[in-house]
Amino acid sequence: MQTTIRLAVIYGSTRPGRMCDRVVKWLVSQLGHYPLIELDIIDPLDFGLVPNSGDETGEIAARLQRADAFIIVTPEYNHSFPASLKFFIDAFYEPWHVKPIAFVAYGGISGGLRAVEHLRLVFAELHAVAIRDTVSIVSPWDRLDKDGHFDRPEEALRHLSRMMGRLQWWARALRAARNEQPYQAAA
């Protein structure tokens, strides 16, 4: 019997007028087609741009800790990911441990893949498992309207299907491993 996966979708951009809003709207609308997923949408803007030492940090840490898996929605800025996303990630340590992370990236010609490659290194240091399969959206400003409706979504949907299959597999496998033995006890 398969159990529900607690999936946190995290906004990777905090810029005014960000494309991330459109991409997350599209993603969330598609995730509704996947059974046994409990979604938690985490937008750093809801917490005063980025976490600080106040109550918000504790609330976000608890939400990250509850998650079985993550999808980071990130743009590519200057061949990497946004500084605000790095600050958000670095504000927490153990909630990322032994959990799978998938990426929905967007940008110019690379579709955000350079940002994803940099994020893989960051999450490896945080003892997380980065899923190889990624949704990459080239020129989203030409393909997504303000409501998150995607023009020509077929390729993105194929990539999302594969990514979600792998993410769900890893989420269940790693949750079982964490339940069998706490990760900190493996050291």
Protein backbone atom coordinates (compact mmCIF):
# COMPACT_ATOMS: atom_id res chain seq x y z
CA MET A 1 0.00 0.00 0.00
CA GLN A 2 1.39 3.39 -0.96
CA THR A 3 1.15 6.25 1.48
CA THR A 4 0.80 9.97 0.93
CA ILE A 5 3.96 11.93 0.21
CA ARG A 6 4.26 15.32 1.87
CA LEU A 7 5.69 17.50 -0.89
CA ALA A 8 6.92 21.05 -0.31
CA VAL A 9 7.11 23.30 -3.38
CA ILE A 10 9.52 26.16 -2.76
CA TYR A 11 9.63 29.43 -4.68
CA GLY A 12 13.19 30.22 -5.73
CA SER A 13 12.73 33.88 -6.63
CA THR A 14 11.79 36.92 -4.60
CA ARG A 15 12.10 39.55 -7.34
CA PRO A 16 9.19 41.92 -7.93
CA GLY A 17 7.19 40.83 -10.97
CA ARG A 18 8.82 37.41 -10.85
CA MET A 19 8.09 34.73 -13.43
CA CYS A 20 8.18 32.22 -10.57
CA ASP A 21 4.53 32.98 -9.77
CA ARG A 22 3.45 31.77 -13.20
CA VAL A 23 5.65 28.68 -13.11
CA VAL A 24 4.43 27.67 -9.63
CA LYS A 25 0.79 28.15 -10.69
CA TRP A 26 1.36 25.82 -13.65
CA LEU A 27 3.23 23.28 -11.51
CA VAL A 28 0.60 23.21 -8.75
CA SER A 29 -2.18 22.79 -11.30
CA GLN A 30 -0.35 19.76 -12.71
CA LEU A 31 0.51 18.25 -9.33
CA GLY A 32 -3.22 17.95 -8.71
CA HIS A 33 -3.16 15.05 -11.21
CA TYR A 34 -0.79 13.02 -9.03
CA PRO A 35 -2.49 10.95 -6.35
CA LEU A 36 -1.22 10.58 -2.82
CA ILE A 37 0.50 13.96 -2.64
CA GLU A 38 -0.07 16.45 0.16
CA LEU A 39 1.20 19.85 -1.01
CA ASP A 40 2.78 22.61 1.03
CA ILE A 41 3.66 25.75 -0.94
CA ILE A 42 6.49 27.75 0.65
CA ASP A 43 7.11 31.25 -0.66
CA PRO A 44 9.93 33.14 1.09
CA LEU A 45 8.04 36.38 0.39
CA ASP A 46 5.37 35.22 2.84
CA PHE A 47 8.02 35.39 5.55
CA GLY A 48 9.41 38.87 5.03
CA LEU A 49 11.45 38.03 1.90
CA VAL A 50 13.77 35.50 3.56
CA PRO A 51 13.87 33.74 6.93
CA ASN A 52 15.26 35.61 9.90
CA SER A 53 15.79 34.78 13.53
CA GLY A 54 12.14 35.34 14.43
CA ASP A 55 9.16 33.04 14.73
CA GLU A 56 8.98 32.63 10.95
CA THR A 57 12.20 30.62 10.89
CA GLY A 58 10.77 28.12 13.37
CA GLU A 59 7.58 27.80 11.36
CA ILE A 60 9.44 27.25 8.10
CA ALA A 61 11.82 24.76 9.74
CA ALA A 62 8.84 22.76 11.00
CA ARG A 63 7.25 22.74 7.54
CA LEU A 64 10.52 21.64 5.93
CA GLN A 65 10.95 18.95 8.58
CA ARG A 66 7.46 17.56 7.88
CA ALA A 67 8.13 17.31 4.14
CA ASP A 68 9.10 13.98 2.60
CA ALA A 69 10.32 15.64 -0.61
CA PHE A 70 10.86 19.04 -2.20
CA ILE A 71 10.48 20.70 -5.56
CA ILE A 72 12.49 23.87 -5.94
CA VAL A 73 11.16 26.22 -8.63
CA THR A 74 14.12 28.32 -9.68
CA PRO A 75 15.04 30.83 -12.31
CA GLU A 76 18.53 31.14 -13.68
CA TYR A 77 20.08 34.51 -12.90
CA ASN A 78 23.57 35.18 -14.27
CA HIS A 79 24.26 31.47 -14.94
CA SER A 80 23.26 30.41 -11.41
CA PHE A 81 20.38 30.52 -8.94
CA PRO A 82 19.18 33.58 -6.99
CA ALA A 83 20.98 34.77 -3.88
CA SER A 84 17.67 34.86 -2.00
CA LEU A 85 17.25 31.12 -2.63
CA LYS A 86 20.74 30.43 -1.31
CA PHE A 87 19.96 32.44 1.81
CA PHE A 88 16.73 30.51 2.27
CA ILE A 89 18.44 27.12 1.85
CA ASP A 90 21.33 28.03 4.16
CA ALA A 91 18.98 29.18 6.93
CA PHE A 92 18.20 25.49 7.61
CA TYR A 93 20.31 22.37 7.89
CA GLU A 94 18.75 19.18 9.22
CA PRO A 95 15.31 19.55 7.58
CA TRP A 96 16.98 18.85 4.19
CA HIS A 97 18.78 15.69 5.35
CA VAL A 98 18.04 12.43 3.52
CA LYS A 99 15.19 13.85 1.46
CA PRO A 100 14.84 14.01 -2.31
CA ILE A 101 14.85 17.32 -4.13
CA ALA A 102 13.58 17.89 -7.65
CA PHE A 103 13.84 21.02 -9.73
CA VAL A 104 11.58 22.96 -12.06
CA ALA A 105 13.87 25.52 -13.67
CA TYR A 106 13.34 28.29 -16.14
CA GLY A 107 15.33 30.89 -17.99
CA GLY A 108 16.72 31.83 -21.36
CA ILE A 109 18.38 29.43 -23.75
CA SER A 110 19.51 27.03 -20.99
CA GLY A 111 16.05 26.78 -19.43
CA GLY A 112 17.59 27.25 -15.98
CA LEU A 113 19.76 24.14 -16.09
CA ARG A 114 22.91 25.98 -14.99
CA ALA A 115 21.07 27.06 -11.83
CA VAL A 116 20.06 23.44 -11.22
CA GLU A 117 23.63 22.20 -11.56
CA HIS A 118 24.79 24.67 -8.92
CA LEU A 119 21.92 23.70 -6.63
CA ARG A 120 22.87 20.02 -6.87
CA LEU A 121 26.22 20.86 -5.23
CA VAL A 122 24.56 22.83 -2.45
CA PHE A 123 22.08 20.06 -1.66
CA ALA A 124 24.77 17.37 -1.73
CA GLU A 125 26.45 19.23 1.13
CA LEU A 126 23.11 19.22 2.98
CA HIS A 127 22.86 15.41 2.72
CA ALA A 128 19.90 15.62 0.34
CA VAL A 129 19.34 13.56 -2.80
CA ALA A 130 18.95 15.60 -5.98
CA ILE A 131 16.74 13.90 -8.56
CA ARG A 132 18.42 13.74 -11.96
CA ASP A 133 15.23 14.37 -13.93
CA THR A 134 14.29 18.04 -14.17
CA VAL A 135 11.61 20.16 -15.80
CA SER A 136 13.39 22.90 -17.74
CA ILE A 137 11.43 25.73 -19.34
CA VAL A 138 13.12 27.80 -22.03
CA SER A 139 11.79 31.37 -22.41
CA PRO A 140 8.82 31.00 -20.05
CA TRP A 141 7.79 34.63 -20.60
CA ASP A 142 6.75 33.54 -24.12
CA ARG A 143 5.01 30.35 -22.96
CA LEU A 144 3.19 30.99 -19.67
CA ASP A 145 0.45 33.54 -19.16
CA LYS A 146 -0.12 35.31 -15.83
CA ASP A 147 -2.49 32.54 -14.70
CA GLY A 148 0.06 29.81 -15.32
CA HIS A 149 -1.48 28.48 -18.53
CA PHE A 150 1.28 26.91 -20.61
CA ASP A 151 1.50 27.23 -24.39
CA ARG A 152 2.72 23.94 -25.92
CA PRO A 153 3.11 22.08 -22.58
CA GLU A 154 3.65 18.57 -23.99
CA GLU A 155 7.41 18.39 -23.45
CA ALA A 156 7.22 19.89 -19.96
CA LEU A 157 4.46 17.43 -19.03
CA ARG A 158 6.57 14.47 -20.19
CA HIS A 159 9.50 15.67 -18.10
CA LEU A 160 7.24 16.35 -15.13
CA SER A 161 5.78 12.84 -15.29
CA ARG A 162 9.21 11.21 -15.22
CA MET A 163 10.48 13.57 -12.53
CA MET A 164 7.45 12.92 -10.31
CA GLY A 165 7.75 9.16 -10.69
CA ARG A 166 11.36 9.29 -9.54
CA LEU A 167 10.69 11.86 -6.82
CA GLN A 168 7.89 9.76 -5.33
CA TRP A 169 10.06 6.62 -5.43
CA TRP A 170 12.91 8.36 -3.63
CA ALA A 171 10.56 10.01 -1.13
CA ARG A 172 9.12 6.64 -0.09
CA ALA A 173 12.51 4.91 -0.01
CA LEU A 174 14.18 7.62 2.03
CA ARG A 175 11.25 7.98 4.42
CA ALA A 176 11.42 4.24 5.09
CA ALA A 177 15.17 4.51 5.69
CA ARG A 178 14.75 7.47 8.06
CA ASN A 179 12.04 5.58 9.96
CA GLU A 180 14.25 2.50 10.25
CA GLN A 181 17.26 4.40 11.54
CA PRO A 182 17.68 8.15 12.14
CA TYR A 183 20.25 9.55 9.74
CA GLN A 184 22.29 11.13 12.53
CA ALA A 185 22.75 7.65 14.06
CA ALA A 186 24.47 6.45 10.86
CA ALA A 187 27.58 8.55 11.54
